[in-house]
PDB file of N, CA and C in Angstrom:
ATOM      1  N   MET A   1      57.032  86.908  28.901  1.00  0.00           N
ATOM      2  CA  MET A   1      56.467  88.222  28.767  1.00  0.00           C
ATOM      3  C   MET A   1      56.590  88.511  27.313  1.00  0.00           C
ATOM      4  N   ASN A   2      55.542  88.965  26.761  1.00  0.00           N
ATOM      5  CA  ASN A   2      55.534  89.357  25.288  1.00  0.00           C
ATOM      6  C   ASN A   2      55.776  90.798  25.148  1.00  0.00           C
ATOM      7  N   ALA A   3      56.442  91.153  24.079  1.00  0.00           N
ATOM      8  CA  ALA A   3      56.828  92.573  23.753  1.00  0.00           C
ATOM      9  C   ALA A   3      55.597  93.256  23.060  1.00  0.00           C
ATOM     10  N   VAL A   4      55.394  94.457  23.388  1.00  0.00           N
ATOM     11  CA  VAL A   4      54.372  95.180  22.583  1.00  0.00           C
ATOM     12  C   VAL A   4      55.097  96.171  21.613  1.00  0.00           C
ATOM     13  N   ALA A   5      54.696  96.094  20.386  1.00  0.00           N
ATOM     14  CA  ALA A   5      55.491  96.744  19.399  1.00  0.00           C
ATOM     15  C   ALA A   5      55.582  98.219  19.660  1.00  0.00           C
ATOM     16  N   SER A   6      54.662  98.915  20.213  1.00  0.00           N
ATOM     17  CA  SER A   6      54.747 100.333  20.484  1.00  0.00           C
ATOM     18  C   SER A   6      55.445 100.721  21.702  1.00  0.00           C
ATOM     19  N   SER A   7      55.867  99.782  22.531  1.00  0.00           N
ATOM     20  CA  SER A   7      56.564 100.200  23.725  1.00  0.00           C
ATOM     21  C   SER A   7      57.737  99.226  23.976  1.00  0.00           C
ATOM     22  N   PRO A   8      58.897  99.812  24.415  1.00  0.00           N
ATOM     23  CA  PRO A   8      60.051  98.908  24.576  1.00  0.00           C
ATOM     24  C   PRO A   8      59.895  98.023  25.817  1.00  0.00           C
ATOM     25  N   ILE A   9      58.981  98.326  26.810  1.00  0.00           N
ATOM     26  CA  ILE A   9      58.728  97.510  27.864  1.00  0.00           C
ATOM     27  C   ILE A   9      57.192  97.197  27.988  1.00  0.00           C
ATOM     28  N   SER A  10      56.813  95.975  27.998  1.00  0.00           N
ATOM     29  CA  SER A  10      55.467  95.587  27.911  1.00  0.00           C
ATOM     30  C   SER A  10      54.747  96.016  29.249  1.00  0.00           C
ATOM     31  N   PRO A  11      53.473  96.564  29.131  1.00  0.00           N
ATOM     32  CA  PRO A  11      52.829  96.842  30.333  1.00  0.00           C
ATOM     33  C   PRO A  11      52.224  95.595  31.061  1.00  0.00           C
ATOM     34  N   MET A  12      52.258  95.578  32.318  1.00  0.00           N
ATOM     35  CA  MET A  12      51.721  94.487  33.001  1.00  0.00           C
ATOM     36  C   MET A  12      50.325  94.716  33.462  1.00  0.00           C
ATOM     37  N   PRO A  13      49.415  93.783  33.477  1.00  0.00           N
ATOM     38  CA  PRO A  13      48.030  94.002  33.879  1.00  0.00           C
ATOM     39  C   PRO A  13      48.008  94.503  35.386  1.00  0.00           C
ATOM     40  N   PRO A  14      47.022  95.330  35.675  1.00  0.00           N
ATOM     41  CA  PRO A  14      47.006  95.898  37.127  1.00  0.00           C
ATOM     42  C   PRO A  14      46.464  94.818  38.018  1.00  0.00           C
ATOM     43  N   VAL A  15      46.784  95.020  39.247  1.00  0.00           N
ATOM     44  CA  VAL A  15      46.413  94.067  40.315  1.00  0.00           C
ATOM     45  C   VAL A  15      44.879  94.111  40.459  1.00  0.00           C
ATOM     46  N   ALA A  16      44.190  93.070  40.461  1.00  0.00           N
ATOM     47  CA  ALA A  16      42.696  93.098  40.677  1.00  0.00           C
ATOM     48  C   ALA A  16      42.346  93.717  42.104  1.00  0.00           C
ATOM     49  N   PRO A  17      41.179  94.394  42.038  1.00  0.00           N
ATOM     50  CA  PRO A  17      40.755  94.989  43.355  1.00  0.00           C
ATOM     51  C   PRO A  17      40.562  93.865  44.363  1.00  0.00           C
ATOM     52  N   GLY A  18      41.090  94.098  45.559  1.00  0.00           N
ATOM     53  CA  GLY A  18      40.977  93.172  46.606  1.00  0.00           C
ATOM     54  C   GLY A  18      42.012  92.169  46.580  1.00  0.00           C
ATOM     55  N   ALA A  19      42.863  92.153  45.558  1.00  0.00           N
ATOM     56  CA  ALA A  19      43.999  91.165  45.528  1.00  0.00           C
ATOM     57  C   ALA A  19      45.104  91.439  46.540  1.00  0.00           C
ATOM     58  N   LYS A  20      45.769  90.575  46.971  1.00  0.00           N
ATOM     59  CA  LYS A  20      46.947  90.738  47.808  1.00  0.00           C
ATOM     60  C   LYS A  20      48.020  91.604  47.188  1.00  0.00           C
ATOM     61  N   ALA A  21      48.432  92.572  47.848  1.00  0.00           N
ATOM     62  CA  ALA A  21      49.586  93.460  47.417  1.00  0.00           C
ATOM     63  C   ALA A  21      50.852  92.569  47.286  1.00  0.00           C
ATOM     64  N   PRO A  22      51.643  92.843  46.175  1.00  0.00           N
ATOM     65  CA  PRO A  22      52.879  91.993  46.178  1.00  0.00           C
ATOM     66  C   PRO A  22      53.879  92.488  47.306  1.00  0.00           C
ATOM     67  N   PRO A  23      54.745  91.573  47.664  1.00  0.00           N
ATOM     68  CA  PRO A  23      55.769  91.862  48.682  1.00  0.00           C
ATOM     69  C   PRO A  23      56.669  93.046  48.199  1.00  0.00           C
ATOM     70  N   ALA A  24      57.346  93.716  49.283  1.00  0.00           N
ATOM     71  CA  ALA A  24      58.059  94.906  48.875  1.00  0.00           C
ATOM     72  C   ALA A  24      59.301  94.370  48.142  1.00  0.00           C
ATOM     73  N   LEU A  25      59.696  95.163  47.136  1.00  0.00           N
ATOM     74  CA  LEU A  25      60.856  94.867  46.418  1.00  0.00           C
ATOM     75  C   LEU A  25      62.177  95.156  47.225  1.00  0.00           C
ATOM     76  N   PRO A  26      63.224  94.388  47.033  1.00  0.00           N
ATOM     77  CA  PRO A  26      64.515  94.676  47.684  1.00  0.00           C
ATOM     78  C   PRO A  26      65.023  96.002  47.149  1.00  0.00           C
ATOM     79  N   ALA A  27      65.845  96.623  47.993  1.00  0.00           N
ATOM     80  CA  ALA A  27      66.429  97.942  47.548  1.00  0.00           C
ATOM     81  C   ALA A  27      67.365  97.740  46.420  1.00  0.00           C
ATOM     82  N   PHE A  28      68.169  96.619  46.477  1.00  0.00           N
ATOM     83  CA  PHE A  28      69.139  96.326  45.442  1.00  0.00           C
ATOM     84  C   PHE A  28      68.899  94.918  44.962  1.00  0.00           C
ATOM     85  N   PRO A  29      68.000  94.742  43.996  1.00  0.00           N
ATOM     86  CA  PRO A  29      67.542  93.383  43.650  1.00  0.00           C
ATOM     87  C   PRO A  29      68.746  92.633  42.992  1.00  0.00           C
ATOM     88  N   LYS A  30      68.851  91.386  43.144  1.00  0.00           N
ATOM     89  CA  LYS A  30      69.707  90.489  42.441  1.00  0.00           C
ATOM     90  C   LYS A  30      69.144  89.195  42.123  1.00  0.00           C
ATOM     91  N   LEU A  31      69.754  88.546  41.132  1.00  0.00           N
ATOM     92  CA  LEU A  31      69.175  87.118  40.791  1.00  0.00           C
ATOM     93  C   LEU A  31      69.398  86.205  41.984  1.00  0.00           C
ATOM     94  N   SER A  32      68.523  85.290  42.123  1.00  0.00           N
ATOM     95  CA  SER A  32      68.543  84.421  43.112  1.00  0.00           C
ATOM     96  C   SER A  32      69.758  83.385  42.924  1.00  0.00           C
ATOM     97  N   ARG A  33      70.205  82.733  43.895  1.00  0.00           N
ATOM     98  CA  ARG A  33      71.245  81.795  43.760  1.00  0.00           C
ATOM     99  C   ARG A  33      70.774  80.594  42.871  1.00  0.00           C
ATOM    100  N   GLY A  34      71.702  80.220  41.982  1.00  0.00           N
ATOM    101  CA  GLY A  34      71.249  79.108  41.101  1.00  0.00           C
ATOM    102  C   GLY A  34      70.700  79.661  39.707  1.00  0.00           C
ATOM    103  N   TYR A  35      70.434  80.892  39.577  1.00  0.00           N
ATOM    104  CA  TYR A  35      70.007  81.565  38.356  1.00  0.00           C
ATOM    105  C   TYR A  35      71.089  82.391  37.654  1.00  0.00           C
ATOM    106  N   ARG A  36      71.221  82.366  36.384  1.00  0.00           N
ATOM    107  CA  ARG A  36      72.232  83.210  35.742  1.00  0.00           C
ATOM    108  C   ARG A  36      71.720  83.504  34.266  1.00  0.00           C
ATOM    109  N   MET A  37      72.163  84.633  33.887  1.00  0.00           N
ATOM    110  CA  MET A  37      71.824  85.135  32.551  1.00  0.00           C
ATOM    111  C   MET A  37      72.935  84.757  31.447  1.00  0.00           C
ATOM    112  N   GLN A  38      72.435  84.381  30.276  1.00  0.00           N
ATOM    113  CA  GLN A  38      73.299  84.024  29.260  1.00  0.00           C
ATOM    114  C   GLN A  38      72.745  84.271  27.906  1.00  0.00           C
ATOM    115  N   TYR A  39      73.532  84.889  27.006  1.00  0.00           N
ATOM    116  CA  TYR A  39      73.045  85.047  25.646  1.00  0.00           C
ATOM    117  C   TYR A  39      73.105  83.799  24.881  1.00  0.00           C
ATOM    118  N   GLU A  40      72.014  83.332  24.185  1.00  0.00           N
ATOM    119  CA  GLU A  40      71.978  82.085  23.480  1.00  0.00           C
ATOM    120  C   GLU A  40      72.095  82.548  21.969  1.00  0.00           C
ATOM    121  N   GLN A  41      73.238  82.297  21.359  1.00  0.00           N
ATOM    122  CA  GLN A  41      73.357  82.832  19.953  1.00  0.00           C
ATOM    123  C   GLN A  41      72.404  82.027  19.004  1.00  0.00           C
ATOM    124  N   VAL A  42      72.195  80.778  19.302  1.00  0.00           N
ATOM    125  CA  VAL A  42      71.248  80.025  18.343  1.00  0.00           C
ATOM    126  C   VAL A  42      69.850  80.658  18.439  1.00  0.00           C
ATOM    127  N   GLN A  43      69.370  81.073  19.656  1.00  0.00           N
ATOM    128  CA  GLN A  43      68.106  81.610  19.797  1.00  0.00           C
ATOM    129  C   GLN A  43      68.088  83.216  19.585  1.00  0.00           C
ATOM    130  N   SER A  44      69.179  83.665  19.442  1.00  0.00           N
ATOM    131  CA  SER A  44      69.385  85.233  19.280  1.00  0.00           C
ATOM    132  C   SER A  44      68.634  85.866  20.460  1.00  0.00           C
ATOM    133  N   ALA A  45      68.884  85.467  21.594  1.00  0.00           N
ATOM    134  CA  ALA A  45      67.967  85.991  22.785  1.00  0.00           C
ATOM    135  C   ALA A  45      68.825  85.712  24.096  1.00  0.00           C
ATOM    136  N   TRP A  46      68.542  86.504  25.023  1.00  0.00           N
ATOM    137  CA  TRP A  46      69.005  86.249  26.419  1.00  0.00           C
ATOM    138  C   TRP A  46      68.133  85.231  27.065  1.00  0.00           C
ATOM    139  N   VAL A  47      68.669  84.359  27.802  1.00  0.00           N
ATOM    140  CA  VAL A  47      67.887  83.405  28.613  1.00  0.00           C
ATOM    141  C   VAL A  47      68.296  83.414  30.093  1.00  0.00           C
ATOM    142  N   LEU A  48      67.453  83.092  30.883  1.00  0.00           N
ATOM    143  CA  LEU A  48      67.643  82.999  32.332  1.00  0.00           C
ATOM    144  C   LEU A  48      67.757  81.498  32.667  1.00  0.00           C
ATOM    145  N   LEU A  49      68.916  81.007  32.963  1.00  0.00           N
ATOM    146  CA  LEU A  49      69.179  79.600  33.226  1.00  0.00           C
ATOM    147  C   LEU A  49      68.996  79.226  34.663  1.00  0.00           C
ATOM    148  N   TYR A  50      68.568  78.106  34.966  1.00  0.00           N
ATOM    149  CA  TYR A  50      68.442  77.628  36.333  1.00  0.00           C
ATOM    150  C   TYR A  50      68.577  76.168  36.358  1.00  0.00           C
ATOM    151  N   PRO A  51      68.840  75.408  37.401  1.00  0.00           N
ATOM    152  CA  PRO A  51      69.029  73.974  37.387  1.00  0.00           C
ATOM    153  C   PRO A  51      67.816  73.097  36.628  1.00  0.00           C
ATOM    154  N   GLU A  52      66.626  73.615  36.761  1.00  0.00           N
ATOM    155  CA  GLU A  52      65.585  72.845  36.063  1.00  0.00           C
ATOM    156  C   GLU A  52      65.317  73.173  34.629  1.00  0.00           C
ATOM    157  N   GLY A  53      65.880  74.249  34.156  1.00  0.00           N
ATOM    158  CA  GLY A  53      65.603  74.646  32.797  1.00  0.00           C
ATOM    159  C   GLY A  53      66.033  76.025  32.519  1.00  0.00           C
ATOM    160  N   MET A  54      65.308  76.680  31.564  1.00  0.00           N
ATOM    161  CA  MET A  54      65.588  78.098  31.204  1.00  0.00           C
ATOM    162  C   MET A  54      64.387  78.805  30.743  1.00  0.00           C
ATOM    163  N   VAL A  55      64.505  80.159  30.729  1.00  0.00           N
ATOM    164  CA  VAL A  55      63.340  81.066  30.331  1.00  0.00           C
ATOM    165  C   VAL A  55      63.993  81.873  29.281  1.00  0.00           C
ATOM    166  N   LYS A  56      63.396  81.849  28.052  1.00  0.00           N
ATOM    167  CA  LYS A  56      63.852  82.818  27.078  1.00  0.00           C
ATOM    168  C   LYS A  56      63.124  84.150  27.361  1.00  0.00           C
ATOM    169  N   LEU A  57      63.964  85.255  27.302  1.00  0.00           N
ATOM    170  CA  LEU A  57      63.496  86.542  27.697  1.00  0.00           C
ATOM    171  C   LEU A  57      63.356  87.468  26.451  1.00  0.00           C
ATOM    172  N   ASN A  58      62.394  88.406  26.462  1.00  0.00           N
ATOM    173  CA  ASN A  58      62.358  89.351  25.439  1.00  0.00           C
ATOM    174  C   ASN A  58      63.481  90.359  25.774  1.00  0.00           C
ATOM    175  N   ASP A  59      63.719  91.312  24.891  1.00  0.00           N
ATOM    176  CA  ASP A  59      64.750  92.217  24.965  1.00  0.00           C
ATOM    177  C   ASP A  59      64.671  93.172  26.273  1.00  0.00           C
ATOM    178  N   SER A  60      63.472  93.623  26.495  1.00  0.00           N
ATOM    179  CA  SER A  60      63.278  94.556  27.674  1.00  0.00           C
ATOM    180  C   SER A  60      63.419  93.753  28.955  1.00  0.00           C
ATOM    181  N   SER A  61      62.916  92.525  29.138  1.00  0.00           N
ATOM    182  CA  SER A  61      63.043  91.795  30.270  1.00  0.00           C
ATOM    183  C   SER A  61      64.420  91.465  30.576  1.00  0.00           C
ATOM    184  N   ALA A  62      65.234  91.076  29.530  1.00  0.00           N
ATOM    185  CA  ALA A  62      66.613  90.826  29.602  1.00  0.00           C
ATOM    186  C   ALA A  62      67.395  91.944  30.133  1.00  0.00           C
ATOM    187  N   GLU A  63      67.151  93.080  29.537  1.00  0.00           N
ATOM    188  CA  GLU A  63      67.849  94.361  30.066  1.00  0.00           C
ATOM    189  C   GLU A  63      67.531  94.630  31.545  1.00  0.00           C
ATOM    190  N   ILE A  64      66.353  94.379  31.988  1.00  0.00           N
ATOM    191  CA  ILE A  64      65.973  94.691  33.308  1.00  0.00           C
ATOM    192  C   ILE A  64      66.687  93.609  34.247  1.00  0.00           C
ATOM    193  N   LEU A  65      66.638  92.348  33.923  1.00  0.00           N
ATOM    194  CA  LEU A  65      67.199  91.226  34.729  1.00  0.00           C
ATOM    195  C   LEU A  65      68.830  91.399  34.668  1.00  0.00           C
ATOM    196  N   ARG A  66      69.363  91.841  33.571  1.00  0.00           N
ATOM    197  CA  ARG A  66      70.858  91.934  33.485  1.00  0.00           C
ATOM    198  C   ARG A  66      71.368  93.009  34.545  1.00  0.00           C
ATOM    199  N   ARG A  67      70.529  93.891  34.916  1.00  0.00           N
ATOM    200  CA  ARG A  67      70.920  94.978  35.871  1.00  0.00           C
ATOM    201  C   ARG A  67      70.627  94.484  37.321  1.00  0.00           C
ATOM    202  N   CYS A  68      70.151  93.316  37.557  1.00  0.00           N
ATOM    203  CA  CYS A  68      69.791  92.808  38.947  1.00  0.00           C
ATOM    204  C   CYS A  68      71.069  92.074  39.422  1.00  0.00           C
ATOM    205  N   ASN A  69      72.013  92.905  39.913  1.00  0.00           N
ATOM    206  CA  ASN A  69      73.374  92.439  40.370  1.00  0.00           C
ATOM    207  C   ASN A  69      73.494  92.675  41.824  1.00  0.00           C
ATOM    208  N   GLY A  70      72.597  93.180  42.567  1.00  0.00           N
ATOM    209  CA  GLY A  70      72.692  93.433  43.974  1.00  0.00           C
ATOM    210  C   GLY A  70      73.496  94.706  44.249  1.00  0.00           C
ATOM    211  N   GLU A  71      73.936  95.487  43.203  1.00  0.00           N
ATOM    212  CA  GLU A  71      74.737  96.661  43.408  1.00  0.00           C
ATOM    213  C   GLU A  71      73.995  97.917  42.976  1.00  0.00           C
ATOM    214  N   ARG A  72      72.918  97.763  42.130  1.00  0.00           N
ATOM    215  CA  ARG A  72      72.153  98.832  41.594  1.00  0.00           C
ATOM    216  C   ARG A  72      70.768  99.064  42.314  1.00  0.00           C
ATOM    217  N   SER A  73      70.454 100.235  42.668  1.00  0.00           N
ATOM    218  CA  SER A  73      69.125 100.440  43.198  1.00  0.00           C
ATOM    219  C   SER A  73      68.173 100.328  41.988  1.00  0.00           C
ATOM    220  N   ILE A  74      66.826 100.193  42.410  1.00  0.00           N
ATOM    221  CA  ILE A  74      65.790 100.216  41.299  1.00  0.00           C
ATOM    222  C   ILE A  74      65.700 101.485  40.585  1.00  0.00           C
ATOM    223  N   ASP A  75      65.871 102.613  41.404  1.00  0.00           N
ATOM    224  CA  ASP A  75      65.849 103.922  40.722  1.00  0.00           C
ATOM    225  C   ASP A  75      66.996 104.010  39.763  1.00  0.00           C
ATOM    226  N   ALA A  76      68.203 103.563  39.987  1.00  0.00           N
ATOM    227  CA  ALA A  76      69.304 103.588  39.152  1.00  0.00           C
ATOM    228  C   ALA A  76      69.091 102.767  37.932  1.00  0.00           C
ATOM    229  N   MET A  77      68.410 101.623  38.140  1.00  0.00           N
ATOM    230  CA  MET A  77      68.115 100.738  37.003  1.00  0.00           C
ATOM    231  C   MET A  77      67.172 101.391  36.146  1.00  0.00           C
ATOM    232  N   VAL A  78      66.117 102.021  36.651  1.00  0.00           N
ATOM    233  CA  VAL A  78      65.111 102.728  35.828  1.00  0.00           C
ATOM    234  C   VAL A  78      65.782 103.838  35.014  1.00  0.00           C
ATOM    235  N   ALA A  79      66.513 104.701  35.679  1.00  0.00           N
ATOM    236  CA  ALA A  79      67.246 105.770  34.949  1.00  0.00           C
ATOM    237  C   ALA A  79      68.113 105.312  33.852  1.00  0.00           C
ATOM    238  N   ASP A  80      68.830 104.208  34.032  1.00  0.00           N
ATOM    239  CA  ASP A  80      69.691 103.668  33.045  1.00  0.00           C
ATOM    240  C   ASP A  80      68.818 103.124  31.865  1.00  0.00           C
ATOM    241  N   LEU A  81      67.663 102.379  32.174  1.00  0.00           N
ATOM    242  CA  LEU A  81      66.797 101.890  31.174  1.00  0.00           C
ATOM    243  C   LEU A  81      66.055 102.967  30.331  1.00  0.00           C
ATOM    244  N   GLU A  82      65.704 104.039  31.034  1.00  0.00           N
ATOM    245  CA  GLU A  82      65.075 105.171  30.371  1.00  0.00           C
ATOM    246  C   GLU A  82      65.995 105.694  29.258  1.00  0.00           C
ATOM    247  N   ILE A  83      67.303 105.780  29.657  1.00  0.00           N
ATOM    248  CA  ILE A  83      68.213 106.249  28.653  1.00  0.00           C
ATOM    249  C   ILE A  83      68.396 105.201  27.429  1.00  0.00           C
ATOM    250  N   LEU A  84      68.548 103.909  27.880  1.00  0.00           N
ATOM    251  CA  LEU A  84      68.673 102.825  26.850  1.00  0.00           C
ATOM    252  C   LEU A  84      67.475 102.816  25.952  1.00  0.00           C
ATOM    253  N   PHE A  85      66.336 102.788  26.466  1.00  0.00           N
ATOM    254  CA  PHE A  85      65.091 102.729  25.593  1.00  0.00           C
ATOM    255  C   PHE A  85      64.603 104.041  25.078  1.00  0.00           C
ATOM    256  N   ASN A  86      65.143 105.228  25.486  1.00  0.00           N
ATOM    257  CA  ASN A  86      64.696 106.462  25.063  1.00  0.00           C
ATOM    258  C   ASN A  86      63.282 106.665  25.452  1.00  0.00           C
ATOM    259  N   ALA A  87      63.046 106.271  26.684  1.00  0.00           N
ATOM    260  CA  ALA A  87      61.547 106.391  27.143  1.00  0.00           C
ATOM    261  C   ALA A  87      61.533 106.918  28.599  1.00  0.00           C
ATOM    262  N   LYS A  88      60.482 107.637  28.868  1.00  0.00           N
ATOM    263  CA  LYS A  88      60.318 108.083  30.201  1.00  0.00           C
ATOM    264  C   LYS A  88      59.050 107.405  30.906  1.00  0.00           C
ATOM    265  N   GLY A  89      59.001 107.306  32.229  1.00  0.00           N
ATOM    266  CA  GLY A  89      57.913 106.822  32.856  1.00  0.00           C
ATOM    267  C   GLY A  89      57.792 105.228  32.901  1.00  0.00           C
ATOM    268  N   ILE A  90      58.949 104.562  32.796  1.00  0.00           N
ATOM    269  CA  ILE A  90      58.828 103.110  32.786  1.00  0.00           C
ATOM    270  C   ILE A  90      59.087 102.469  34.000  1.00  0.00           C
ATOM    271  N   ALA A  91      59.155 103.212  35.130  1.00  0.00           N
ATOM    272  CA  ALA A  91      59.397 102.587  36.459  1.00  0.00           C
ATOM    273  C   ALA A  91      58.267 101.571  36.802  1.00  0.00           C
ATOM    274  N   PRO A  92      56.940 101.905  36.518  1.00  0.00           N
ATOM    275  CA  PRO A  92      56.023 100.894  36.968  1.00  0.00           C
ATOM    276  C   PRO A  92      56.146  99.512  36.243  1.00  0.00           C
ATOM    277  N   GLN A  93      56.541  99.570  34.955  1.00  0.00           N
ATOM    278  CA  GLN A  93      56.849  98.339  34.196  1.00  0.00           C
ATOM    279  C   GLN A  93      57.989  97.544  34.808  1.00  0.00           C
ATOM    280  N   VAL A  94      59.025  98.270  35.082  1.00  0.00           N
ATOM    281  CA  VAL A  94      60.222  97.698  35.657  1.00  0.00           C
ATOM    282  C   VAL A  94      59.881  97.012  37.014  1.00  0.00           C
ATOM    283  N   ARG A  95      59.167  97.843  37.792  1.00  0.00           N
ATOM    284  CA  ARG A  95      58.786  97.181  39.163  1.00  0.00           C
ATOM    285  C   ARG A  95      57.757  95.961  38.999  1.00  0.00           C
ATOM    286  N   GLU A  96      57.010  96.014  37.990  1.00  0.00           N
ATOM    287  CA  GLU A  96      56.146  94.883  37.741  1.00  0.00           C
ATOM    288  C   GLU A  96      56.918  93.586  37.375  1.00  0.00           C
ATOM    289  N   LEU A  97      57.945  93.824  36.479  1.00  0.00           N
ATOM    290  CA  LEU A  97      58.917  92.641  36.098  1.00  0.00           C
ATOM    291  C   LEU A  97      59.586  92.149  37.390  1.00  0.00           C
ATOM    292  N   LEU A  98      60.129  93.055  38.297  1.00  0.00           N
ATOM    293  CA  LEU A  98      60.837  92.674  39.337  1.00  0.00           C
ATOM    294  C   LEU A  98      59.897  91.964  40.396  1.00  0.00           C
ATOM    295  N   HIS A  99      58.586  92.306  40.486  1.00  0.00           N
ATOM    296  CA  HIS A  99      57.662  91.582  41.365  1.00  0.00           C
ATOM    297  C   HIS A  99      57.422  90.299  40.774  1.00  0.00           C
ATOM    298  N   GLU A 100      57.211  90.156  39.459  1.00  0.00           N
ATOM    299  CA  GLU A 100      57.032  88.870  38.882  1.00  0.00           C
ATOM    300  C   GLU A 100      58.296  87.930  39.012  1.00  0.00           C
ATOM    301  N   GLY A 101      59.448  88.533  38.960  1.00  0.00           N
ATOM    302  CA  GLY A 101      60.675  87.753  39.178  1.00  0.00           C
ATOM    303  C   GLY A 101      60.773  87.247  40.586  1.00  0.00           C
ATOM    304  N   MET A 102      60.257  88.075  41.538  1.00  0.00           N
ATOM    305  CA  MET A 102      60.253  87.611  42.838  1.00  0.00           C
ATOM    306  C   MET A 102      59.237  86.547  43.105  1.00  0.00           C
ATOM    307  N   ARG A 103      58.029  86.666  42.551  1.00  0.00           N
ATOM    308  CA  ARG A 103      56.995  85.630  42.691  1.00  0.00           C
ATOM    309  C   ARG A 103      57.544  84.233  42.063  1.00  0.00           C
ATOM    310  N   ARG A 104      58.317  84.359  40.966  1.00  0.00           N
ATOM    311  CA  ARG A 104      58.969  83.118  40.354  1.00  0.00           C
ATOM    312  C   ARG A 104      60.130  82.569  40.952  1.00  0.00           C
ATOM    313  N   GLY A 105      60.667  83.346  41.966  1.00  0.00           N
ATOM    314  CA  GLY A 105      61.924  82.942  42.576  1.00  0.00           C
ATOM    315  C   GLY A 105      63.236  83.415  41.874  1.00  0.00           C
ATOM    316  N   TRP A 106      63.098  84.296  40.875  1.00  0.00           N
ATOM    317  CA  TRP A 106      64.219  84.710  40.193  1.00  0.00           C
ATOM    318  C   TRP A 106      65.001  85.732  40.862  1.00  0.00           C
ATOM    319  N   ILE A 107      64.324  86.610  41.625  1.00  0.00           N
ATOM    320  CA  ILE A 107      64.879  87.741  42.269  1.00  0.00           C
ATOM    321  C   ILE A 107      64.804  87.632  43.756  1.00  0.00           C
ATOM    322  N   VAL A 108      65.950  88.152  44.388  1.00  0.00           N
ATOM    323  CA  VAL A 108      65.955  88.288  45.811  1.00  0.00           C
ATOM    324  C   VAL A 108      66.433  89.673  46.216  1.00  0.00           C
TER     325      VAL A 108
END
């Protein structure tokens, strides 16, 4: 995911008309088994590690995924992120990242 300079969280493209709706998000998202977050000093970035490799995350994606611990609701995550980024109305972008994480198997 690429960051947009004017927004702390990148907008995701809308679902195409007639496209299948994404599955419902879990009430308390968490990282799937076998995935973990780690800060890589050499890359100056958070990464998502898994047995087959890793994904380098931009700052906003890392902040969202770091909150996926199975104990926070999506609404609580959004409220926390709105304070962190000093932004309102970011729930759609947070949900889009969580949907993408589910599609890729990162989130359960």
